[in-house]
Amino acid sequence: MVRKKSYIKHNNLNYLYTIILIYIGAELTSTFKNRDYKIYSNIVTKQLETQAKRMLLIIGVAHIGSLKSILRDDDFITIDTKAHIKK
């Protein structure tokens, strides 16, 4: 019996390890997307609080594409600051 239990535990660990390897990309993507939705929530909350017509968001490049998409879906207008910042 001990051998069977140890074999079952070993197989379960292999199975879990395989699942983790298969879905690691999906997990990382969902974690990043979740972070972007939290940022979006903070933007909307602050905008509703202050009734601001404009906001400046300084954020890492990894979030920009996703956030632009989320904001565009909610009728926010995004402007690239490169045109407005002098070197």
PDB file of N, CA and C in Angstrom:
ATOM      1  N   MET A   1       0.812  -1.197   0.000  1.00  0.00           N
ATOM      2  CA  MET A   1       0.000   0.000   0.000  1.00  0.00           C
ATOM      3  C   MET A   1       0.857   1.263   0.000  1.00  0.00           C
ATOM      4  N   VAL A   2       1.915   1.260   0.735  1.00  0.00           N
ATOM      5  CA  VAL A   2       2.754   2.457   0.802  1.00  0.00           C
ATOM      6  C   VAL A   2       3.296   2.802  -0.577  1.00  0.00           C
ATOM      7  N   ARG A   3       3.680   1.792  -1.313  1.00  0.00           N
ATOM      8  CA  ARG A   3       4.213   2.045  -2.652  1.00  0.00           C
ATOM      9  C   ARG A   3       3.142   2.674  -3.555  1.00  0.00           C
ATOM     10  N   LYS A   4       1.919   2.182  -3.455  1.00  0.00           N
ATOM     11  CA  LYS A   4       0.853   2.731  -4.288  1.00  0.00           C
ATOM     12  C   LYS A   4       0.584   4.188  -3.923  1.00  0.00           C
ATOM     13  N   LYS A   5       0.537   4.480  -2.620  1.00  0.00           N
ATOM     14  CA  LYS A   5       0.294   5.859  -2.204  1.00  0.00           C
ATOM     15  C   LYS A   5       1.408   6.770  -2.705  1.00  0.00           C
ATOM     16  N   SER A   6       2.637   6.312  -2.568  1.00  0.00           N
ATOM     17  CA  SER A   6       3.752   7.127  -3.013  1.00  0.00           C
ATOM     18  C   SER A   6       3.692   7.302  -4.533  1.00  0.00           C
ATOM     19  N   TYR A   7       3.286   6.277  -5.251  1.00  0.00           N
ATOM     20  CA  TYR A   7       3.149   6.357  -6.700  1.00  0.00           C
ATOM     21  C   TYR A   7       2.039   7.351  -7.076  1.00  0.00           C
ATOM     22  N   ILE A   8       0.936   7.321  -6.356  1.00  0.00           N
ATOM     23  CA  ILE A   8      -0.170   8.227  -6.630  1.00  0.00           C
ATOM     24  C   ILE A   8       0.255   9.671  -6.350  1.00  0.00           C
ATOM     25  N   LYS A   9       0.934   9.884  -5.226  1.00  0.00           N
ATOM     26  CA  LYS A   9       1.404  11.232  -4.914  1.00  0.00           C
ATOM     27  C   LYS A   9       2.364  11.715  -6.004  1.00  0.00           C
ATOM     28  N   HIS A  10       3.249  10.849  -6.436  1.00  0.00           N
ATOM     29  CA  HIS A  10       4.219  11.206  -7.464  1.00  0.00           C
ATOM     30  C   HIS A  10       3.493  11.559  -8.765  1.00  0.00           C
ATOM     31  N   ASN A  11       2.503  10.768  -9.136  1.00  0.00           N
ATOM     32  CA  ASN A  11       1.743  11.055 -10.348  1.00  0.00           C
ATOM     33  C   ASN A  11       0.976  12.364 -10.228  1.00  0.00           C
ATOM     34  N   ASN A  12       0.389  12.622  -9.061  1.00  0.00           N
ATOM     35  CA  ASN A  12      -0.331  13.880  -8.866  1.00  0.00           C
ATOM     36  C   ASN A  12       0.597  15.079  -8.974  1.00  0.00           C
ATOM     37  N   LEU A  13       1.790  14.970  -8.412  1.00  0.00           N
ATOM     38  CA  LEU A  13       2.751  16.058  -8.509  1.00  0.00           C
ATOM     39  C   LEU A  13       3.158  16.287  -9.957  1.00  0.00           C
ATOM     40  N   ASN A  14       3.382  15.208 -10.691  1.00  0.00           N
ATOM     41  CA  ASN A  14       3.722  15.356 -12.108  1.00  0.00           C
ATOM     42  C   ASN A  14       2.586  16.018 -12.870  1.00  0.00           C
ATOM     43  N   TYR A  15       1.374  15.610 -12.554  1.00  0.00           N
ATOM     44  CA  TYR A  15       0.207  16.185 -13.212  1.00  0.00           C
ATOM     45  C   TYR A  15       0.115  17.683 -12.911  1.00  0.00           C
ATOM     46  N   LEU A  16       0.261  18.050 -11.626  1.00  0.00           N
ATOM     47  CA  LEU A  16       0.207  19.461 -11.253  1.00  0.00           C
ATOM     48  C   LEU A  16       1.341  20.254 -11.897  1.00  0.00           C
ATOM     49  N   TYR A  17       2.515  19.656 -11.928  1.00  0.00           N
ATOM     50  CA  TYR A  17       3.666  20.305 -12.548  1.00  0.00           C
ATOM     51  C   TYR A  17       3.398  20.535 -14.036  1.00  0.00           C
ATOM     52  N   THR A  18       2.795  19.546 -14.693  1.00  0.00           N
ATOM     53  CA  THR A  18       2.458  19.675 -16.113  1.00  0.00           C
ATOM     54  C   THR A  18       1.432  20.781 -16.317  1.00  0.00           C
ATOM     55  N   ILE A  19       0.419  20.825 -15.463  1.00  0.00           N
ATOM     56  CA  ILE A  19      -0.604  21.868 -15.566  1.00  0.00           C
ATOM     57  C   ILE A  19       0.028  23.245 -15.405  1.00  0.00           C
ATOM     58  N   ILE A  20       0.922  23.383 -14.433  1.00  0.00           N
ATOM     59  CA  ILE A  20       1.580  24.667 -14.193  1.00  0.00           C
ATOM     60  C   ILE A  20       2.387  25.083 -15.427  1.00  0.00           C
ATOM     61  N   LEU A  21       3.104  24.149 -16.034  1.00  0.00           N
ATOM     62  CA  LEU A  21       3.893  24.476 -17.220  1.00  0.00           C
ATOM     63  C   LEU A  21       3.004  24.852 -18.406  1.00  0.00           C
ATOM     64  N   ILE A  22       1.880  24.185 -18.555  1.00  0.00           N
ATOM     65  CA  ILE A  22       0.995  24.457 -19.681  1.00  0.00           C
ATOM     66  C   ILE A  22       0.349  25.828 -19.538  1.00  0.00           C
ATOM     67  N   TYR A  23      -0.061  26.184 -18.330  1.00  0.00           N
ATOM     68  CA  TYR A  23      -0.845  27.403 -18.132  1.00  0.00           C
ATOM     69  C   TYR A  23      -0.058  28.573 -17.574  1.00  0.00           C
ATOM     70  N   ILE A  24       1.254  28.482 -17.502  1.00  0.00           N
ATOM     71  CA  ILE A  24       2.024  29.565 -16.895  1.00  0.00           C
ATOM     72  C   ILE A  24       1.859  30.864 -17.673  1.00  0.00           C
ATOM     73  N   GLY A  25       1.788  30.790 -18.994  1.00  0.00           N
ATOM     74  CA  GLY A  25       1.579  31.994 -19.805  1.00  0.00           C
ATOM     75  C   GLY A  25       0.233  32.626 -19.523  1.00  0.00           C
ATOM     76  N   ALA A  26      -0.788  31.786 -19.403  1.00  0.00           N
ATOM     77  CA  ALA A  26      -2.135  32.286 -19.113  1.00  0.00           C
ATOM     78  C   ALA A  26      -2.182  32.916 -17.726  1.00  0.00           C
ATOM     79  N   GLU A  27      -1.501  32.299 -16.766  1.00  0.00           N
ATOM     80  CA  GLU A  27      -1.478  32.852 -15.405  1.00  0.00           C
ATOM     81  C   GLU A  27      -0.794  34.218 -15.380  1.00  0.00           C
ATOM     82  N   LEU A  28       0.332  34.331 -16.065  1.00  0.00           N
ATOM     83  CA  LEU A  28       1.035  35.617 -16.089  1.00  0.00           C
ATOM     84  C   LEU A  28       0.212  36.681 -16.793  1.00  0.00           C
ATOM     85  N   THR A  29      -0.441  36.294 -17.889  1.00  0.00           N
ATOM     86  CA  THR A  29      -1.278  37.239 -18.620  1.00  0.00           C
ATOM     87  C   THR A  29      -2.440  37.708 -17.767  1.00  0.00           C
ATOM     88  N   SER A  30      -3.092  36.781 -17.071  1.00  0.00           N
ATOM     89  CA  SER A  30      -4.238  37.164 -16.250  1.00  0.00           C
ATOM     90  C   SER A  30      -3.804  38.026 -15.066  1.00  0.00           C
ATOM     91  N   THR A  31      -2.633  37.769 -14.524  1.00  0.00           N
ATOM     92  CA  THR A  31      -2.119  38.590 -13.429  1.00  0.00           C
ATOM     93  C   THR A  31      -1.869  40.009 -13.913  1.00  0.00           C
ATOM     94  N   PHE A  32      -1.272  40.140 -15.088  1.00  0.00           N
ATOM     95  CA  PHE A  32      -0.996  41.457 -15.654  1.00  0.00           C
ATOM     96  C   PHE A  32      -2.298  42.181 -15.980  1.00  0.00           C
ATOM     97  N   LYS A  33      -3.238  41.467 -16.587  1.00  0.00           N
ATOM     98  CA  LYS A  33      -4.523  42.066 -16.953  1.00  0.00           C
ATOM     99  C   LYS A  33      -5.275  42.516 -15.697  1.00  0.00           C
ATOM    100  N   ASN A  34      -5.211  41.703 -14.659  1.00  0.00           N
ATOM    101  CA  ASN A  34      -5.837  42.054 -13.390  1.00  0.00           C
ATOM    102  C   ASN A  34      -5.241  43.355 -12.846  1.00  0.00           C
ATOM    103  N   ARG A  35      -3.941  43.488 -12.941  1.00  0.00           N
ATOM    104  CA  ARG A  35      -3.263  44.709 -12.491  1.00  0.00           C
ATOM    105  C   ARG A  35      -3.745  45.904 -13.303  1.00  0.00           C
ATOM    106  N   ASP A  36      -3.891  45.726 -14.619  1.00  0.00           N
ATOM    107  CA  ASP A  36      -4.355  46.816 -15.477  1.00  0.00           C
ATOM    108  C   ASP A  36      -5.774  47.249 -15.118  1.00  0.00           C
ATOM    109  N   TYR A  37      -6.633  46.297 -14.779  1.00  0.00           N
ATOM    110  CA  TYR A  37      -7.993  46.657 -14.380  1.00  0.00           C
ATOM    111  C   TYR A  37      -8.019  47.386 -13.031  1.00  0.00           C
ATOM    112  N   LYS A  38      -7.087  47.066 -12.155  1.00  0.00           N
ATOM    113  CA  LYS A  38      -6.991  47.800 -10.885  1.00  0.00           C
ATOM    114  C   LYS A  38      -6.536  49.240 -11.141  1.00  0.00           C
ATOM    115  N   ILE A  39      -5.586  49.403 -12.044  1.00  0.00           N
ATOM    116  CA  ILE A  39      -5.129  50.749 -12.410  1.00  0.00           C
ATOM    117  C   ILE A  39      -6.292  51.530 -13.024  1.00  0.00           C
ATOM    118  N   TYR A  40      -7.014  50.873 -13.928  1.00  0.00           N
ATOM    119  CA  TYR A  40      -8.175  51.501 -14.563  1.00  0.00           C
ATOM    120  C   TYR A  40      -9.210  51.928 -13.513  1.00  0.00           C
ATOM    121  N   SER A  41      -9.466  51.062 -12.554  1.00  0.00           N
ATOM    122  CA  SER A  41     -10.417  51.375 -11.493  1.00  0.00           C
ATOM    123  C   SER A  41      -9.974  52.605 -10.706  1.00  0.00           C
ATOM    124  N   ASN A  42      -8.686  52.696 -10.424  1.00  0.00           N
ATOM    125  CA  ASN A  42      -8.158  53.868  -9.712  1.00  0.00           C
ATOM    126  C   ASN A  42      -8.321  55.148 -10.534  1.00  0.00           C
ATOM    127  N   ILE A  43      -8.101  55.048 -11.844  1.00  0.00           N
ATOM    128  CA  ILE A  43      -8.256  56.211 -12.722  1.00  0.00           C
ATOM    129  C   ILE A  43      -9.708  56.694 -12.700  1.00  0.00           C
ATOM    130  N   VAL A  44     -10.632  55.770 -12.890  1.00  0.00           N
ATOM    131  CA  VAL A  44     -12.052  56.127 -12.931  1.00  0.00           C
ATOM    132  C   VAL A  44     -12.515  56.671 -11.585  1.00  0.00           C
ATOM    133  N   THR A  45     -12.104  56.037 -10.509  1.00  0.00           N
ATOM    134  CA  THR A  45     -12.482  56.496  -9.170  1.00  0.00           C
ATOM    135  C   THR A  45     -11.995  57.918  -8.929  1.00  0.00           C
ATOM    136  N   LYS A  46     -10.753  58.182  -9.279  1.00  0.00           N
ATOM    137  CA  LYS A  46     -10.180  59.522  -9.070  1.00  0.00           C
ATOM    138  C   LYS A  46     -10.873  60.553  -9.957  1.00  0.00           C
ATOM    139  N   GLN A  47     -11.196  60.169 -11.183  1.00  0.00           N
ATOM    140  CA  GLN A  47     -11.862  61.086 -12.101  1.00  0.00           C
ATOM    141  C   GLN A  47     -13.266  61.430 -11.587  1.00  0.00           C
ATOM    142  N   LEU A  48     -13.984  60.444 -11.103  1.00  0.00           N
ATOM    143  CA  LEU A  48     -15.319  60.696 -10.565  1.00  0.00           C
ATOM    144  C   LEU A  48     -15.262  61.535  -9.289  1.00  0.00           C
ATOM    145  N   GLU A  49     -14.226  61.299  -8.487  1.00  0.00           N
ATOM    146  CA  GLU A  49     -14.036  62.039  -7.240  1.00  0.00           C
ATOM    147  C   GLU A  49     -13.768  63.515  -7.483  1.00  0.00           C
ATOM    148  N   THR A  50     -12.905  63.791  -8.459  1.00  0.00           N
ATOM    149  CA  THR A  50     -12.443  65.167  -8.696  1.00  0.00           C
ATOM    150  C   THR A  50     -13.151  65.857  -9.849  1.00  0.00           C
ATOM    151  N   GLN A  51     -13.900  65.104 -10.637  1.00  0.00           N
ATOM    152  CA  GLN A  51     -14.553  65.623 -11.848  1.00  0.00           C
ATOM    153  C   GLN A  51     -13.542  66.248 -12.810  1.00  0.00           C
ATOM    154  N   ALA A  52     -12.331  65.722 -12.799  1.00  0.00           N
ATOM    155  CA  ALA A  52     -11.274  66.232 -13.671  1.00  0.00           C
ATOM    156  C   ALA A  52     -11.582  65.910 -15.134  1.00  0.00           C
ATOM    157  N   LYS A  53     -11.240  66.867 -15.996  1.00  0.00           N
ATOM    158  CA  LYS A  53     -11.423  66.643 -17.435  1.00  0.00           C
ATOM    159  C   LYS A  53     -10.167  66.045 -18.054  1.00  0.00           C
ATOM    160  N   ARG A  54      -9.040  66.220 -17.382  1.00  0.00           N
ATOM    161  CA  ARG A  54      -7.760  65.694 -17.866  1.00  0.00           C
ATOM    162  C   ARG A  54      -7.013  65.038 -16.716  1.00  0.00           C
ATOM    163  N   MET A  55      -6.256  64.016 -17.062  1.00  0.00           N
ATOM    164  CA  MET A  55      -5.405  63.346 -16.075  1.00  0.00           C
ATOM    165  C   MET A  55      -4.090  62.995 -16.735  1.00  0.00           C
ATOM    166  N   LEU A  56      -3.036  63.067 -15.980  1.00  0.00           N
ATOM    167  CA  LEU A  56      -1.731  62.641 -16.457  1.00  0.00           C
ATOM    168  C   LEU A  56      -1.395  61.337 -15.753  1.00  0.00           C
ATOM    169  N   LEU A  57      -1.156  60.321 -16.533  1.00  0.00           N
ATOM    170  CA  LEU A  57      -0.810  59.010 -15.994  1.00  0.00           C
ATOM    171  C   LEU A  57       0.604  58.670 -16.439  1.00  0.00           C
ATOM    172  N   ILE A  58       1.475  58.483 -15.485  1.00  0.00           N
ATOM    173  CA  ILE A  58       2.850  58.073 -15.782  1.00  0.00           C
ATOM    174  C   ILE A  58       2.966  56.626 -15.347  1.00  0.00           C
ATOM    175  N   ILE A  59       3.222  55.767 -16.315  1.00  0.00           N
ATOM    176  CA  ILE A  59       3.176  54.326 -16.037  1.00  0.00           C
ATOM    177  C   ILE A  59       4.169  53.594 -16.934  1.00  0.00           C
ATOM    178  N   GLY A  60       4.538  52.412 -16.527  1.00  0.00           N
ATOM    179  CA  GLY A  60       5.473  51.601 -17.300  1.00  0.00           C
ATOM    180  C   GLY A  60       4.913  51.174 -18.642  1.00  0.00           C
ATOM    181  N   VAL A  61       5.797  50.984 -19.582  1.00  0.00           N
ATOM    182  CA  VAL A  61       5.417  50.680 -20.960  1.00  0.00           C
ATOM    183  C   VAL A  61       4.662  49.350 -21.090  1.00  0.00           C
ATOM    184  N   ALA A  62       4.867  48.438 -20.188  1.00  0.00           N
ATOM    185  CA  ALA A  62       4.217  47.126 -20.281  1.00  0.00           C
ATOM    186  C   ALA A  62       2.704  47.228 -20.110  1.00  0.00           C
ATOM    187  N   HIS A  63       2.226  48.270 -19.462  1.00  0.00           N
ATOM    188  CA  HIS A  63       0.788  48.415 -19.211  1.00  0.00           C
ATOM    189  C   HIS A  63       0.082  49.309 -20.233  1.00  0.00           C
ATOM    190  N   ILE A  64       0.828  50.040 -21.022  1.00  0.00           N
ATOM    191  CA  ILE A  64       0.229  51.064 -21.879  1.00  0.00           C
ATOM    192  C   ILE A  64      -0.756  50.486 -22.900  1.00  0.00           C
ATOM    193  N   GLY A  65      -0.372  49.462 -23.618  1.00  0.00           N
ATOM    194  CA  GLY A  65      -1.249  48.905 -24.652  1.00  0.00           C
ATOM    195  C   GLY A  65      -2.572  48.421 -24.096  1.00  0.00           C
ATOM    196  N   SER A  66      -2.511  47.664 -23.026  1.00  0.00           N
ATOM    197  CA  SER A  66      -3.713  47.125 -22.407  1.00  0.00           C
ATOM    198  C   SER A  66      -4.583  48.233 -21.832  1.00  0.00           C
ATOM    199  N   LEU A  67      -3.961  49.199 -21.150  1.00  0.00           N
ATOM    200  CA  LEU A  67      -4.728  50.298 -20.567  1.00  0.00           C
ATOM    201  C   LEU A  67      -5.381  51.174 -21.630  1.00  0.00           C
ATOM    202  N   LYS A  68      -4.671  51.423 -22.732  1.00  0.00           N
ATOM    203  CA  LYS A  68      -5.271  52.205 -23.813  1.00  0.00           C
ATOM    204  C   LYS A  68      -6.517  51.504 -24.337  1.00  0.00           C
ATOM    205  N   SER A  69      -6.432  50.207 -24.472  1.00  0.00           N
ATOM    206  CA  SER A  69      -7.573  49.428 -24.949  1.00  0.00           C
ATOM    207  C   SER A  69      -8.747  49.499 -23.967  1.00  0.00           C
ATOM    208  N   ILE A  70      -8.462  49.331 -22.692  1.00  0.00           N
ATOM    209  CA  ILE A  70      -9.504  49.385 -21.661  1.00  0.00           C
ATOM    210  C   ILE A  70     -10.140  50.776 -21.622  1.00  0.00           C
ATOM    211  N   LEU A  71      -9.310  51.815 -21.647  1.00  0.00           N
ATOM    212  CA  LEU A  71      -9.819  53.181 -21.592  1.00  0.00           C
ATOM    213  C   LEU A  71     -10.616  53.538 -22.846  1.00  0.00           C
ATOM    214  N   ARG A  72     -10.156  53.098 -23.994  1.00  0.00           N
ATOM    215  CA  ARG A  72     -10.863  53.361 -25.248  1.00  0.00           C
ATOM    216  C   ARG A  72     -12.252  52.723 -25.237  1.00  0.00           C
ATOM    217  N   ASP A  73     -12.355  51.526 -24.658  1.00  0.00           N
ATOM    218  CA  ASP A  73     -13.651  50.845 -24.559  1.00  0.00           C
ATOM    219  C   ASP A  73     -14.640  51.608 -23.684  1.00  0.00           C
ATOM    220  N   ASP A  74     -14.115  52.465 -22.785  1.00  0.00           N
ATOM    221  CA  ASP A  74     -14.969  53.243 -21.886  1.00  0.00           C
ATOM    222  C   ASP A  74     -15.036  54.714 -22.322  1.00  0.00           C
ATOM    223  N   ASP A  75     -14.746  54.974 -23.586  1.00  0.00           N
ATOM    224  CA  ASP A  75     -14.838  56.308 -24.193  1.00  0.00           C
ATOM    225  C   ASP A  75     -13.897  57.350 -23.605  1.00  0.00           C
ATOM    226  N   PHE A  76     -12.791  56.921 -23.024  1.00  0.00           N
ATOM    227  CA  PHE A  76     -11.747  57.861 -22.624  1.00  0.00           C
ATOM    228  C   PHE A  76     -10.896  58.150 -23.849  1.00  0.00           C
ATOM    229  N   ILE A  77     -10.361  59.340 -23.922  1.00  0.00           N
ATOM    230  CA  ILE A  77      -9.462  59.690 -25.018  1.00  0.00           C
ATOM    231  C   ILE A  77      -8.049  59.697 -24.455  1.00  0.00           C
ATOM    232  N   THR A  78      -7.150  58.963 -25.093  1.00  0.00           N
ATOM    233  CA  THR A  78      -5.757  58.930 -24.642  1.00  0.00           C
ATOM    234  C   THR A  78      -4.898  59.703 -25.642  1.00  0.00           C
ATOM    235  N   ILE A  79      -3.927  60.418 -25.109  1.00  0.00           N
ATOM    236  CA  ILE A  79      -3.026  61.209 -25.945  1.00  0.00           C
ATOM    237  C   ILE A  79      -1.604  60.813 -25.582  1.00  0.00           C
ATOM    238  N   ASP A  80      -0.812  60.547 -26.601  1.00  0.00           N
ATOM    239  CA  ASP A  80       0.587  60.222 -26.386  1.00  0.00           C
ATOM    240  C   ASP A  80       1.334  61.491 -26.012  1.00  0.00           C
ATOM    241  N   THR A  81       2.056  61.474 -24.925  1.00  0.00           N
ATOM    242  CA  THR A  81       2.707  62.690 -24.425  1.00  0.00           C
ATOM    243  C   THR A  81       4.001  63.041 -25.162  1.00  0.00           C
ATOM    244  N   LYS A  82       4.485  62.157 -26.009  1.00  0.00           N
ATOM    245  CA  LYS A  82       5.734  62.439 -26.729  1.00  0.00           C
ATOM    246  C   LYS A  82       5.659  63.750 -27.487  1.00  0.00           C
ATOM    247  N   ALA A  83       4.512  64.059 -28.049  1.00  0.00           N
ATOM    248  CA  ALA A  83       4.356  65.284 -28.834  1.00  0.00           C
ATOM    249  C   ALA A  83       4.380  66.533 -27.954  1.00  0.00           C
ATOM    250  N   HIS A  84       4.119  66.373 -26.671  1.00  0.00           N
ATOM    251  CA  HIS A  84       3.992  67.532 -25.773  1.00  0.00           C
ATOM    252  C   HIS A  84       5.181  67.722 -24.837  1.00  0.00           C
ATOM    253  N   ILE A  85       6.089  66.779 -24.820  1.00  0.00           N
ATOM    254  CA  ILE A  85       7.242  66.866 -23.916  1.00  0.00           C
ATOM    255  C   ILE A  85       8.478  67.250 -24.724  1.00  0.00           C
ATOM    256  N   LYS A  86       9.133  68.310 -24.296  1.00  0.00           N
ATOM    257  CA  LYS A  86      10.356  68.756 -24.978  1.00  0.00           C
ATOM    258  C   LYS A  86      11.538  68.006 -24.399  1.00  0.00           C
ATOM    259  N   LYS A  87      12.498  67.740 -25.253  1.00  0.00           N
ATOM    260  CA  LYS A  87      13.699  67.020 -24.816  1.00  0.00           C
ATOM    261  C   LYS A  87      14.709  67.971 -24.223  1.00  0.00           C
TER     262      LYS A  87
END
